[in-house]
Amino acid sequence: MERRILIRDFQLQVSIGVYARERKAPQTVVVNVDLLLEPPQKAHGDRIANVLNYEIVHSGILALAKSRHFNLLEALVDGILELCLAQRDVAEARVSAEKPDSYEDCRVGVEAVRRRGS
């Protein structure tokens, strides 16, 4: 059996960008996270203590986004990947971040995938 935790369309206000106009105010960044979990060692038994609590990931991403200015989306994504892979039972993390307001005709973003130990 394969299990995943998903966080979709998480809208954050982030101080991000390399241009002077981007440093004036936080920008909307939309984050998606897909965590592949290791096979469980035991049945979850309908107990939160036996699973990865996605609240930890959610609040960790929020805290990271507020923690500092990021020049690049890549740096934000790398930080989220590190946070996710530090959680027990996460074998692989896929993280994307998009800036929906950068252009009128499209959304731009970055996606990265990392496995534990790599």
PDB file of N, CA and C in Angstrom:
ATOM      1  N   MET A   1       0.843  -1.172   0.000  1.00  0.00           N
ATOM      2  CA  MET A   1       0.000   0.000   0.000  1.00  0.00           C
ATOM      3  C   MET A   1       0.891   1.238   0.000  1.00  0.00           C
ATOM      4  N   GLU A   2       0.476   2.241  -0.754  1.00  0.00           N
ATOM      5  CA  GLU A   2       1.190   3.508  -0.818  1.00  0.00           C
ATOM      6  C   GLU A   2       0.308   4.593  -0.224  1.00  0.00           C
ATOM      7  N   ARG A   3       0.904   5.415   0.619  1.00  0.00           N
ATOM      8  CA  ARG A   3       0.164   6.524   1.234  1.00  0.00           C
ATOM      9  C   ARG A   3       0.859   7.827   0.925  1.00  0.00           C
ATOM     10  N   ARG A   4       0.053   8.856   0.764  1.00  0.00           N
ATOM     11  CA  ARG A   4       0.551  10.198   0.491  1.00  0.00           C
ATOM     12  C   ARG A   4      -0.196  11.201   1.346  1.00  0.00           C
ATOM     13  N   ILE A   5       0.474  12.267   1.663  1.00  0.00           N
ATOM     14  CA  ILE A   5      -0.170  13.431   2.265  1.00  0.00           C
ATOM     15  C   ILE A   5      -0.102  14.532   1.219  1.00  0.00           C
ATOM     16  N   LEU A   6      -1.218  15.193   1.002  1.00  0.00           N
ATOM     17  CA  LEU A   6      -1.312  16.253   0.008  1.00  0.00           C
ATOM     18  C   LEU A   6      -1.721  17.564   0.668  1.00  0.00           C
ATOM     19  N   ILE A   7      -1.051  18.608   0.302  1.00  0.00           N
ATOM     20  CA  ILE A   7      -1.469  19.963   0.663  1.00  0.00           C
ATOM     21  C   ILE A   7      -1.567  20.703  -0.654  1.00  0.00           C
ATOM     22  N   ARG A   8      -2.759  21.166  -0.982  1.00  0.00           N
ATOM     23  CA  ARG A   8      -3.022  21.751  -2.294  1.00  0.00           C
ATOM     24  C   ARG A   8      -3.420  23.216  -2.187  1.00  0.00           C
ATOM     25  N   ASP A   9      -2.887  23.992  -3.123  1.00  0.00           N
ATOM     26  CA  ASP A   9      -3.285  25.396  -3.305  1.00  0.00           C
ATOM     27  C   ASP A   9      -3.180  26.221  -2.021  1.00  0.00           C
ATOM     28  N   PHE A  10      -2.106  26.020  -1.297  1.00  0.00           N
ATOM     29  CA  PHE A  10      -1.840  26.756  -0.062  1.00  0.00           C
ATOM     30  C   PHE A  10      -1.369  28.157  -0.458  1.00  0.00           C
ATOM     31  N   GLN A  11      -2.202  29.148  -0.227  1.00  0.00           N
ATOM     32  CA  GLN A  11      -1.886  30.524  -0.610  1.00  0.00           C
ATOM     33  C   GLN A  11      -1.228  31.251   0.552  1.00  0.00           C
ATOM     34  N   LEU A  12      -0.028  31.735   0.285  1.00  0.00           N
ATOM     35  CA  LEU A  12       0.771  32.403   1.300  1.00  0.00           C
ATOM     36  C   LEU A  12       1.163  33.792   0.816  1.00  0.00           C
ATOM     37  N   GLN A  13       1.355  34.696   1.742  1.00  0.00           N
ATOM     38  CA  GLN A  13       1.938  35.992   1.436  1.00  0.00           C
ATOM     39  C   GLN A  13       3.409  35.903   1.825  1.00  0.00           C
ATOM     40  N   VAL A  14       4.288  36.073   0.823  1.00  0.00           N
ATOM     41  CA  VAL A  14       5.716  35.842   1.032  1.00  0.00           C
ATOM     42  C   VAL A  14       6.513  37.044   0.530  1.00  0.00           C
ATOM     43  N   SER A  15       7.499  37.437   1.300  1.00  0.00           N
ATOM     44  CA  SER A  15       8.464  38.427   0.829  1.00  0.00           C
ATOM     45  C   SER A  15       9.425  37.685  -0.091  1.00  0.00           C
ATOM     46  N   ILE A  16       9.274  37.928  -1.409  1.00  0.00           N
ATOM     47  CA  ILE A  16      10.041  37.144  -2.371  1.00  0.00           C
ATOM     48  C   ILE A  16      10.305  37.964  -3.626  1.00  0.00           C
ATOM     49  N   GLY A  17      11.485  37.773  -4.181  1.00  0.00           N
ATOM     50  CA  GLY A  17      11.818  38.403  -5.448  1.00  0.00           C
ATOM     51  C   GLY A  17      13.151  39.109  -5.421  1.00  0.00           C
ATOM     52  N   VAL A  18      13.731  39.255  -6.607  1.00  0.00           N
ATOM     53  CA  VAL A  18      15.031  39.902  -6.736  1.00  0.00           C
ATOM     54  C   VAL A  18      14.911  41.348  -7.206  1.00  0.00           C
ATOM     55  N   TYR A  19      13.776  41.725  -7.735  1.00  0.00           N
ATOM     56  CA  TYR A  19      13.596  43.076  -8.261  1.00  0.00           C
ATOM     57  C   TYR A  19      13.089  44.020  -7.176  1.00  0.00           C
ATOM     58  N   ALA A  20      13.465  45.284  -7.285  1.00  0.00           N
ATOM     59  CA  ALA A  20      13.069  46.290  -6.300  1.00  0.00           C
ATOM     60  C   ALA A  20      11.549  46.330  -6.139  1.00  0.00           C
ATOM     61  N   ARG A  21      10.806  46.224  -7.241  1.00  0.00           N
ATOM     62  CA  ARG A  21       9.340  46.274  -7.163  1.00  0.00           C
ATOM     63  C   ARG A  21       8.771  45.098  -6.372  1.00  0.00           C
ATOM     64  N   GLU A  22       9.489  43.987  -6.342  1.00  0.00           N
ATOM     65  CA  GLU A  22       9.027  42.810  -5.611  1.00  0.00           C
ATOM     66  C   GLU A  22       9.317  42.912  -4.116  1.00  0.00           C
ATOM     67  N   ARG A  23      10.235  43.766  -3.754  1.00  0.00           N
ATOM     68  CA  ARG A  23      10.621  43.906  -2.348  1.00  0.00           C
ATOM     69  C   ARG A  23       9.744  44.890  -1.589  1.00  0.00           C
ATOM     70  N   LYS A  24       8.846  45.568  -2.302  1.00  0.00           N
ATOM     71  CA  LYS A  24       7.997  46.585  -1.671  1.00  0.00           C
ATOM     72  C   LYS A  24       6.914  45.987  -0.790  1.00  0.00           C
ATOM     73  N   ALA A  25       6.421  44.825  -1.175  1.00  0.00           N
ATOM     74  CA  ALA A  25       5.322  44.204  -0.418  1.00  0.00           C
ATOM     75  C   ALA A  25       5.343  42.700  -0.659  1.00  0.00           C
ATOM     76  N   PRO A  26       4.806  41.943   0.281  1.00  0.00           N
ATOM     77  CA  PRO A  26       4.720  40.489   0.068  1.00  0.00           C
ATOM     78  C   PRO A  26       3.894  40.165  -1.177  1.00  0.00           C
ATOM     79  N   GLN A  27       4.212  39.028  -1.772  1.00  0.00           N
ATOM     80  CA  GLN A  27       3.506  38.548  -2.956  1.00  0.00           C
ATOM     81  C   GLN A  27       2.769  37.258  -2.617  1.00  0.00           C
ATOM     82  N   THR A  28       1.716  37.000  -3.358  1.00  0.00           N
ATOM     83  CA  THR A  28       1.019  35.731  -3.216  1.00  0.00           C
ATOM     84  C   THR A  28       1.857  34.626  -3.850  1.00  0.00           C
ATOM     85  N   VAL A  29       2.045  33.563  -3.108  1.00  0.00           N
ATOM     86  CA  VAL A  29       2.711  32.358  -3.607  1.00  0.00           C
ATOM     87  C   VAL A  29       1.777  31.192  -3.309  1.00  0.00           C
ATOM     88  N   VAL A  30       1.566  30.350  -4.317  1.00  0.00           N
ATOM     89  CA  VAL A  30       0.704  29.179  -4.160  1.00  0.00           C
ATOM     90  C   VAL A  30       1.595  27.946  -4.091  1.00  0.00           C
ATOM     91  N   VAL A  31       1.480  27.210  -2.988  1.00  0.00           N
ATOM     92  CA  VAL A  31       2.340  26.046  -2.732  1.00  0.00           C
ATOM     93  C   VAL A  31       1.509  24.776  -2.792  1.00  0.00           C
ATOM     94  N   ASN A  32       2.078  23.758  -3.418  1.00  0.00           N
ATOM     95  CA  ASN A  32       1.504  22.413  -3.431  1.00  0.00           C
ATOM     96  C   ASN A  32       2.564  21.439  -2.926  1.00  0.00           C
ATOM     97  N   VAL A  33       2.133  20.510  -2.095  1.00  0.00           N
ATOM     98  CA  VAL A  33       3.040  19.526  -1.502  1.00  0.00           C
ATOM     99  C   VAL A  33       2.438  18.139  -1.673  1.00  0.00           C
ATOM    100  N   ASP A  34       3.276  17.210  -2.083  1.00  0.00           N
ATOM    101  CA  ASP A  34       2.883  15.804  -2.222  1.00  0.00           C
ATOM    102  C   ASP A  34       3.952  14.981  -1.517  1.00  0.00           C
ATOM    103  N   LEU A  35       3.579  14.344  -0.406  1.00  0.00           N
ATOM    104  CA  LEU A  35       4.522  13.561   0.385  1.00  0.00           C
ATOM    105  C   LEU A  35       4.228  12.078   0.240  1.00  0.00           C
ATOM    106  N   LEU A  36       5.196  11.335  -0.246  1.00  0.00           N
ATOM    107  CA  LEU A  36       5.101   9.880  -0.297  1.00  0.00           C
ATOM    108  C   LEU A  36       5.622   9.355   1.032  1.00  0.00           C
ATOM    109  N   LEU A  37       4.807   8.562   1.706  1.00  0.00           N
ATOM    110  CA  LEU A  37       5.164   8.056   3.028  1.00  0.00           C
ATOM    111  C   LEU A  37       5.740   6.655   2.944  1.00  0.00           C
ATOM    112  N   GLU A  38       6.636   6.356   3.872  1.00  0.00           N
ATOM    113  CA  GLU A  38       7.156   4.998   4.005  1.00  0.00           C
ATOM    114  C   GLU A  38       5.990   4.081   4.384  1.00  0.00           C
ATOM    115  N   PRO A  39       6.082   2.801   4.036  1.00  0.00           N
ATOM    116  CA  PRO A  39       5.022   1.886   4.482  1.00  0.00           C
ATOM    117  C   PRO A  39       4.899   1.928   6.001  1.00  0.00           C
ATOM    118  N   PRO A  40       3.688   1.944   6.503  1.00  0.00           N
ATOM    119  CA  PRO A  40       3.504   2.055   7.962  1.00  0.00           C
ATOM    120  C   PRO A  40       4.055   0.834   8.687  1.00  0.00           C
ATOM    121  N   GLN A  41       4.639   1.099   9.861  1.00  0.00           N
ATOM    122  CA  GLN A  41       5.160   0.029  10.696  1.00  0.00           C
ATOM    123  C   GLN A  41       4.041  -0.701  11.429  1.00  0.00           C
ATOM    124  N   LYS A  42       2.934   0.027  11.625  1.00  0.00           N
ATOM    125  CA  LYS A  42       1.779  -0.571  12.293  1.00  0.00           C
ATOM    126  C   LYS A  42       0.521   0.094  11.776  1.00  0.00           C
ATOM    127  N   ALA A  43      -0.601  -0.514  12.013  1.00  0.00           N
ATOM    128  CA  ALA A  43      -1.882   0.058  11.594  1.00  0.00           C
ATOM    129  C   ALA A  43      -2.112   1.375  12.320  1.00  0.00           C
ATOM    130  N   HIS A  44      -2.741   2.317  11.655  1.00  0.00           N
ATOM    131  CA  HIS A  44      -2.949   3.631  12.272  1.00  0.00           C
ATOM    132  C   HIS A  44      -3.931   3.568  13.427  1.00  0.00           C
ATOM    133  N   GLY A  45      -4.834   2.605  13.429  1.00  0.00           N
ATOM    134  CA  GLY A  45      -5.758   2.446  14.545  1.00  0.00           C
ATOM    135  C   GLY A  45      -6.615   3.671  14.816  1.00  0.00           C
ATOM    136  N   ASP A  46      -6.746   4.532  13.801  1.00  0.00           N
ATOM    137  CA  ASP A  46      -7.542   5.752  13.914  1.00  0.00           C
ATOM    138  C   ASP A  46      -7.003   6.673  14.998  1.00  0.00           C
ATOM    139  N   ARG A  47      -5.654   6.656  15.157  1.00  0.00           N
ATOM    140  CA  ARG A  47      -4.994   7.490  16.180  1.00  0.00           C
ATOM    141  C   ARG A  47      -3.977   8.404  15.509  1.00  0.00           C
ATOM    142  N   ILE A  48      -4.045   9.675  15.815  1.00  0.00           N
ATOM    143  CA  ILE A  48      -3.134  10.660  15.239  1.00  0.00           C
ATOM    144  C   ILE A  48      -1.678  10.361  15.579  1.00  0.00           C
ATOM    145  N   ALA A  49      -1.432   9.762  16.704  1.00  0.00           N
ATOM    146  CA  ALA A  49      -0.064   9.446  17.118  1.00  0.00           C
ATOM    147  C   ALA A  49       0.600   8.430  16.188  1.00  0.00           C
ATOM    148  N   ASN A  50      -0.195   7.696  15.419  1.00  0.00           N
ATOM    149  CA  ASN A  50       0.344   6.652  14.547  1.00  0.00           C
ATOM    150  C   ASN A  50       0.526   7.095  13.101  1.00  0.00           C
ATOM    151  N   VAL A  51       0.295   8.371  12.815  1.00  0.00           N
ATOM    152  CA  VAL A  51       0.446   8.885  11.454  1.00  0.00           C
ATOM    153  C   VAL A  51       1.200  10.214  11.493  1.00  0.00           C
ATOM    154  N   LEU A  52       1.616  10.674  10.337  1.00  0.00           N
ATOM    155  CA  LEU A  52       2.217  12.002  10.234  1.00  0.00           C
ATOM    156  C   LEU A  52       1.093  13.028  10.256  1.00  0.00           C
ATOM    157  N   ASN A  53       1.122  13.910  11.213  1.00  0.00           N
ATOM    158  CA  ASN A  53       0.101  14.944  11.359  1.00  0.00           C
ATOM    159  C   ASN A  53       0.394  16.057  10.357  1.00  0.00           C
ATOM    160  N   TYR A  54      -0.463  16.224   9.371  1.00  0.00           N
ATOM    161  CA  TYR A  54      -0.206  17.224   8.343  1.00  0.00           C
ATOM    162  C   TYR A  54      -0.261  18.652   8.873  1.00  0.00           C
ATOM    163  N   GLU A  55      -0.808  18.841  10.068  1.00  0.00           N
ATOM    164  CA  GLU A  55      -0.785  20.169  10.687  1.00  0.00           C
ATOM    165  C   GLU A  55       0.651  20.631  10.929  1.00  0.00           C
ATOM    166  N   ILE A  56       1.544  19.703  11.242  1.00  0.00           N
ATOM    167  CA  ILE A  56       2.956  20.042  11.463  1.00  0.00           C
ATOM    168  C   ILE A  56       3.569  20.574  10.176  1.00  0.00           C
ATOM    169  N   VAL A  57       3.257  19.947   9.063  1.00  0.00           N
ATOM    170  CA  VAL A  57       3.783  20.389   7.765  1.00  0.00           C
ATOM    171  C   VAL A  57       3.182  21.741   7.402  1.00  0.00           C
ATOM    172  N   HIS A  58       1.871  21.864   7.540  1.00  0.00           N
ATOM    173  CA  HIS A  58       1.180  23.111   7.210  1.00  0.00           C
ATOM    174  C   HIS A  58       1.745  24.283   8.017  1.00  0.00           C
ATOM    175  N   SER A  59       1.814  24.134   9.319  1.00  0.00           N
ATOM    176  CA  SER A  59       2.301  25.236  10.160  1.00  0.00           C
ATOM    177  C   SER A  59       3.788  25.499   9.921  1.00  0.00           C
ATOM    178  N   GLY A  60       4.547  24.466   9.606  1.00  0.00           N
ATOM    179  CA  GLY A  60       5.964  24.646   9.305  1.00  0.00           C
ATOM    180  C   GLY A  60       6.181  25.452   8.031  1.00  0.00           C
ATOM    181  N   ILE A  61       5.381  25.183   7.010  1.00  0.00           N
ATOM    182  CA  ILE A  61       5.474  25.943   5.760  1.00  0.00           C
ATOM    183  C   ILE A  61       5.108  27.401   6.009  1.00  0.00           C
ATOM    184  N   LEU A  62       4.053  27.621   6.753  1.00  0.00           N
ATOM    185  CA  LEU A  62       3.616  28.981   7.072  1.00  0.00           C
ATOM    186  C   LEU A  62       4.717  29.740   7.821  1.00  0.00           C
ATOM    187  N   ALA A  63       5.317  29.105   8.808  1.00  0.00           N
ATOM    188  CA  ALA A  63       6.389  29.742   9.569  1.00  0.00           C
ATOM    189  C   ALA A  63       7.605  30.035   8.682  1.00  0.00           C
ATOM    190  N   LEU A  64       7.967  29.097   7.830  1.00  0.00           N
ATOM    191  CA  LEU A  64       9.096  29.298   6.921  1.00  0.00           C
ATOM    192  C   LEU A  64       8.832  30.473   5.989  1.00  0.00           C
ATOM    193  N   ALA A  65       7.641  30.537   5.436  1.00  0.00           N
ATOM    194  CA  ALA A  65       7.291  31.606   4.495  1.00  0.00           C
ATOM    195  C   ALA A  65       7.371  32.983   5.148  1.00  0.00           C
ATOM    196  N   LYS A  66       7.098  33.057   6.435  1.00  0.00           N
ATOM    197  CA  LYS A  66       7.121  34.330   7.155  1.00  0.00           C
ATOM    198  C   LYS A  66       8.496  34.646   7.747  1.00  0.00           C
ATOM    199  N   SER A  67       9.422  33.692   7.697  1.00  0.00           N
ATOM    200  CA  SER A  67      10.671  33.810   8.446  1.00  0.00           C
ATOM    201  C   SER A  67      11.682  34.798   7.879  1.00  0.00           C
ATOM    202  N   ARG A  68      11.625  35.061   6.563  1.00  0.00           N
ATOM    203  CA  ARG A  68      12.656  35.906   5.959  1.00  0.00           C
ATOM    204  C   ARG A  68      12.258  36.285   4.533  1.00  0.00           C
ATOM    205  N   HIS A  69      13.087  37.075   3.906  1.00  0.00           N
ATOM    206  CA  HIS A  69      12.914  37.381   2.486  1.00  0.00           C
ATOM    207  C   HIS A  69      13.602  36.283   1.671  1.00  0.00           C
ATOM    208  N   PHE A  70      12.948  35.845   0.626  1.00  0.00           N
ATOM    209  CA  PHE A  70      13.514  34.876  -0.314  1.00  0.00           C
ATOM    210  C   PHE A  70      13.749  35.594  -1.635  1.00  0.00           C
ATOM    211  N   ASN A  71      14.940  35.486  -2.166  1.00  0.00           N
ATOM    212  CA  ASN A  71      15.183  36.046  -3.493  1.00  0.00           C
ATOM    213  C   ASN A  71      14.507  35.195  -4.562  1.00  0.00           C
ATOM    214  N   LEU A  72      14.559  33.880  -4.397  1.00  0.00           N
ATOM    215  CA  LEU A  72      14.120  32.962  -5.443  1.00  0.00           C
ATOM    216  C   LEU A  72      13.054  31.989  -4.944  1.00  0.00           C
ATOM    217  N   LEU A  73      12.142  31.640  -5.840  1.00  0.00           N
ATOM    218  CA  LEU A  73      11.197  30.560  -5.536  1.00  0.00           C
ATOM    219  C   LEU A  73      11.940  29.270  -5.236  1.00  0.00           C
ATOM    220  N   GLU A  74      13.054  29.059  -5.916  1.00  0.00           N
ATOM    221  CA  GLU A  74      13.841  27.850  -5.700  1.00  0.00           C
ATOM    222  C   GLU A  74      14.275  27.723  -4.245  1.00  0.00           C
ATOM    223  N   ALA A  75      14.641  28.834  -3.625  1.00  0.00           N
ATOM    224  CA  ALA A  75      15.072  28.805  -2.219  1.00  0.00           C
ATOM    225  C   ALA A  75      13.905  28.459  -1.301  1.00  0.00           C
ATOM    226  N   LEU A  76      12.743  28.998  -1.585  1.00  0.00           N
ATOM    227  CA  LEU A  76      11.550  28.667  -0.795  1.00  0.00           C
ATOM    228  C   LEU A  76      11.207  27.188  -0.944  1.00  0.00           C
ATOM    229  N   VAL A  77      11.219  26.697  -2.162  1.00  0.00           N
ATOM    230  CA  VAL A  77      10.916  25.278  -2.412  1.00  0.00           C
ATOM    231  C   VAL A  77      11.936  24.383  -1.709  1.00  0.00           C
ATOM    232  N   ASP A  78      13.215  24.732  -1.778  1.00  0.00           N
ATOM    233  CA  ASP A  78      14.243  23.937  -1.092  1.00  0.00           C
ATOM    234  C   ASP A  78      13.990  23.895   0.416  1.00  0.00           C
ATOM    235  N   GLY A  79      13.614  25.025   0.998  1.00  0.00           N
ATOM    236  CA  GLY A  79      13.316  25.067   2.428  1.00  0.00           C
ATOM    237  C   GLY A  79      12.130  24.197   2.794  1.00  0.00           C
ATOM    238  N   ILE A  80      11.102  24.208   1.945  1.00  0.00           N
ATOM    239  CA  ILE A  80       9.930  23.365   2.204  1.00  0.00           C
ATOM    240  C   ILE A  80      10.289  21.895   2.065  1.00  0.00           C
ATOM    241  N   LEU A  81      11.107  21.557   1.070  1.00  0.00           N
ATOM    242  CA  LEU A  81      11.557  20.168   0.917  1.00  0.00           C
ATOM    243  C   LEU A  81      12.303  19.694   2.166  1.00  0.00           C
ATOM    244  N   GLU A  82      13.199  20.523   2.687  1.00  0.00           N
ATOM    245  CA  GLU A  82      13.948  20.148   3.890  1.00  0.00           C
ATOM    246  C   GLU A  82      13.013  19.930   5.073  1.00  0.00           C
ATOM    247  N   LEU A  83      12.054  20.822   5.234  1.00  0.00           N
ATOM    248  CA  LEU A  83      11.066  20.690   6.305  1.00  0.00           C
ATOM    249  C   LEU A  83      10.306  19.372   6.178  1.00  0.00           C
ATOM    250  N   CYS A  84       9.857  19.069   4.982  1.00  0.00           N
ATOM    251  CA  CYS A  84       9.055  17.855   4.765  1.00  0.00           C
ATOM    252  C   CYS A  84       9.872  16.590   5.000  1.00  0.00           C
ATOM    253  N   LEU A  85      11.089  16.561   4.486  1.00  0.00           N
ATOM    254  CA  LEU A  85      11.909  15.359   4.631  1.00  0.00           C
ATOM    255  C   LEU A  85      12.430  15.162   6.049  1.00  0.00           C
ATOM    256  N   ALA A  86      12.322  16.186   6.876  1.00  0.00           N
ATOM    257  CA  ALA A  86      12.698  16.051   8.285  1.00  0.00           C
ATOM    258  C   ALA A  86      11.608  15.356   9.098  1.00  0.00           C
ATOM    259  N   GLN A  87      10.434  15.180   8.512  1.00  0.00           N
ATOM    260  CA  GLN A  87       9.324  14.535   9.224  1.00  0.00           C
ATOM    261  C   GLN A  87       9.451  13.022   9.125  1.00  0.00           C
ATOM    262  N   ARG A  88       9.064  12.358  10.188  1.00  0.00           N
ATOM    263  CA  ARG A  88       9.149  10.894  10.187  1.00  0.00           C
ATOM    264  C   ARG A  88       8.254  10.317   9.094  1.00  0.00           C
ATOM    265  N   ASP A  89       8.695   9.232   8.539  1.00  0.00           N
ATOM    266  CA  ASP A  89       7.937   8.456   7.566  1.00  0.00           C
ATOM    267  C   ASP A  89       7.848   9.070   6.177  1.00  0.00           C
ATOM    268  N   VAL A  90       8.446  10.236   5.925  1.00  0.00           N
ATOM    269  CA  VAL A  90       8.403  10.815   4.584  1.00  0.00           C
ATOM    270  C   VAL A  90       9.558  10.247   3.773  1.00  0.00           C
ATOM    271  N   ALA A  91       9.220   9.538   2.698  1.00  0.00           N
ATOM    272  CA  ALA A  91      10.235   8.940   1.828  1.00  0.00           C
ATOM    273  C   ALA A  91      10.609   9.880   0.695  1.00  0.00           C
ATOM    274  N   GLU A  92       9.617  10.634   0.208  1.00  0.00           N
ATOM    275  CA  GLU A  92       9.835  11.521  -0.928  1.00  0.00           C
ATOM    276  C   GLU A  92       8.910  12.718  -0.802  1.00  0.00           C
ATOM    277  N   ALA A  93       9.406  13.872  -1.213  1.00  0.00           N
ATOM    278  CA  ALA A  93       8.589  15.084  -1.196  1.00  0.00           C
ATOM    279  C   ALA A  93       8.647  15.745  -2.564  1.00  0.00           C
ATOM    280  N   ARG A  94       7.497  16.149  -3.054  1.00  0.00           N
ATOM    281  CA  ARG A  94       7.377  16.928  -4.284  1.00  0.00           C
ATOM    282  C   ARG A  94       6.733  18.247  -3.877  1.00  0.00           C
ATOM    283  N   VAL A  95       7.403  19.346  -4.192  1.00  0.00           N
ATOM    284  CA  VAL A  95       6.922  20.665  -3.791  1.00  0.00           C
ATOM    285  C   VAL A  95       6.947  21.583  -4.999  1.00  0.00           C
ATOM    286  N   SER A  96       5.852  22.309  -5.188  1.00  0.00           N
ATOM    287  CA  SER A  96       5.828  23.353  -6.205  1.00  0.00           C
ATOM    288  C   SER A  96       5.399  24.659  -5.565  1.00  0.00           C
ATOM    289  N   ALA A  97       5.905  25.747  -6.124  1.00  0.00           N
ATOM    290  CA  ALA A  97       5.521  27.086  -5.686  1.00  0.00           C
ATOM    291  C   ALA A  97       5.340  27.941  -6.928  1.00  0.00           C
ATOM    292  N   GLU A  98       4.231  28.657  -6.973  1.00  0.00           N
ATOM    293  CA  GLU A  98       3.924  29.505  -8.120  1.00  0.00           C
ATOM    294  C   GLU A  98       3.633  30.919  -7.664  1.00  0.00           C
ATOM    295  N   LYS A  99       3.981  31.867  -8.523  1.00  0.00           N
ATOM    296  CA  LYS A  99       3.659  33.272  -8.302  1.00  0.00           C
ATOM    297  C   LYS A  99       2.572  33.650  -9.317  1.00  0.00           C
ATOM    298  N   PRO A 100       1.303  33.599  -8.917  1.00  0.00           N
ATOM    299  CA  PRO A 100       0.208  33.794  -9.882  1.00  0.00           C
ATOM    300  C   PRO A 100       0.065  35.226 -10.387  1.00  0.00           C
ATOM    301  N   ASP A 101       0.680  36.182  -9.713  1.00  0.00           N
ATOM    302  CA  ASP A 101       0.488  37.581 -10.092  1.00  0.00           C
ATOM    303  C   ASP A 101       1.674  38.171 -10.863  1.00  0.00           C
ATOM    304  N   SER A 102       2.668  37.355 -11.205  1.00  0.00           N
ATOM    305  CA  SER A 102       3.840  37.871 -11.904  1.00  0.00           C
ATOM    306  C   SER A 102       3.516  38.351 -13.314  1.00  0.00           C
ATOM    307  N   TYR A 103       2.637  37.628 -13.993  1.00  0.00           N
ATOM    308  CA  TYR A 103       2.254  37.959 -15.361  1.00  0.00           C
ATOM    309  C   TYR A 103       0.738  37.876 -15.487  1.00  0.00           C
ATOM    310  N   GLU A 104       0.192  38.627 -16.403  1.00  0.00           N
ATOM    311  CA  GLU A 104      -1.255  38.595 -16.617  1.00  0.00           C
ATOM    312  C   GLU A 104      -1.702  37.369 -17.396  1.00  0.00           C
ATOM    313  N   ASP A 105      -0.806  36.800 -18.196  1.00  0.00           N
ATOM    314  CA  ASP A 105      -1.224  35.737 -19.104  1.00  0.00           C
ATOM    315  C   ASP A 105      -0.815  34.330 -18.679  1.00  0.00           C
ATOM    316  N   CYS A 106      -0.171  34.200 -17.520  1.00  0.00           N
ATOM    317  CA  CYS A 106       0.218  32.863 -17.066  1.00  0.00           C
ATOM    318  C   CYS A 106       0.645  32.910 -15.603  1.00  0.00           C
ATOM    319  N   ARG A 107       0.827  31.721 -15.032  1.00  0.00           N
ATOM    320  CA  ARG A 107       1.414  31.572 -13.701  1.00  0.00           C
ATOM    321  C   ARG A 107       2.808  30.989 -13.896  1.00  0.00           C
ATOM    322  N   VAL A 108       3.767  31.477 -13.140  1.00  0.00           N
ATOM    323  CA  VAL A 108       5.120  30.943 -13.215  1.00  0.00           C
ATOM    324  C   VAL A 108       5.458  30.276 -11.897  1.00  0.00           C
ATOM    325  N   GLY A 109       6.299  29.251 -11.975  1.00  0.00           N
ATOM    326  CA  GLY A 109       6.631  28.556 -10.747  1.00  0.00           C
ATOM    327  C   GLY A 109       7.798  27.617 -10.894  1.00  0.00           C
ATOM    328  N   VAL A 110       8.065  26.929  -9.796  1.00  0.00           N
ATOM    329  CA  VAL A 110       9.169  25.980  -9.693  1.00  0.00           C
ATOM    330  C   VAL A 110       8.640  24.730  -9.002  1.00  0.00           C
ATOM    331  N   GLU A 111       9.105  23.581  -9.450  1.00  0.00           N
ATOM    332  CA  GLU A 111       8.774  22.313  -8.806  1.00  0.00           C
ATOM    333  C   GLU A 111      10.038  21.515  -8.614  1.00  0.00           C
ATOM    334  N   ALA A 112      10.152  20.852  -7.474  1.00  0.00           N
ATOM    335  CA  ALA A 112      11.311  19.995  -7.214  1.00  0.00           C
ATOM    336  C   ALA A 112      10.858  18.766  -6.453  1.00  0.00           C
ATOM    337  N   VAL A 113      11.587  17.687  -6.648  1.00  0.00           N
ATOM    338  CA  VAL A 113      11.311  16.418  -5.979  1.00  0.00           C
ATOM    339  C   VAL A 113      12.604  15.956  -5.329  1.00  0.00           C
ATOM    340  N   ARG A 114      12.479  15.515  -4.101  1.00  0.00           N
ATOM    341  CA  ARG A 114      13.656  14.998  -3.401  1.00  0.00           C
ATOM    342  C   ARG A 114      13.258  13.778  -2.584  1.00  0.00           C
ATOM    343  N   ARG A 115      14.120  12.777  -2.600  1.00  0.00           N
ATOM    344  CA  ARG A 115      13.929  11.586  -1.784  1.00  0.00           C
ATOM    345  C   ARG A 115      14.804  11.704  -0.538  1.00  0.00           C
ATOM    346  N   ARG A 116      14.355  11.067   0.521  1.00  0.00           N
ATOM    347  CA  ARG A 116      15.153  11.047   1.757  1.00  0.00           C
ATOM    348  C   ARG A 116      16.538  10.469   1.439  1.00  0.00           C
ATOM    349  N   GLY A 117      17.556  11.128   1.955  1.00  0.00           N
ATOM    350  CA  GLY A 117      18.925  10.654   1.759  1.00  0.00           C
ATOM    351  C   GLY A 117      19.568  11.113   0.472  1.00  0.00           C
ATOM    352  N   SER A 118      18.870  11.909  -0.322  1.00  0.00           N
ATOM    353  CA  SER A 118      19.511  12.367  -1.569  1.00  0.00           C
ATOM    354  C   SER A 118      19.588  13.873  -1.620  1.00  0.00           C
TER     355      SER A 118
END
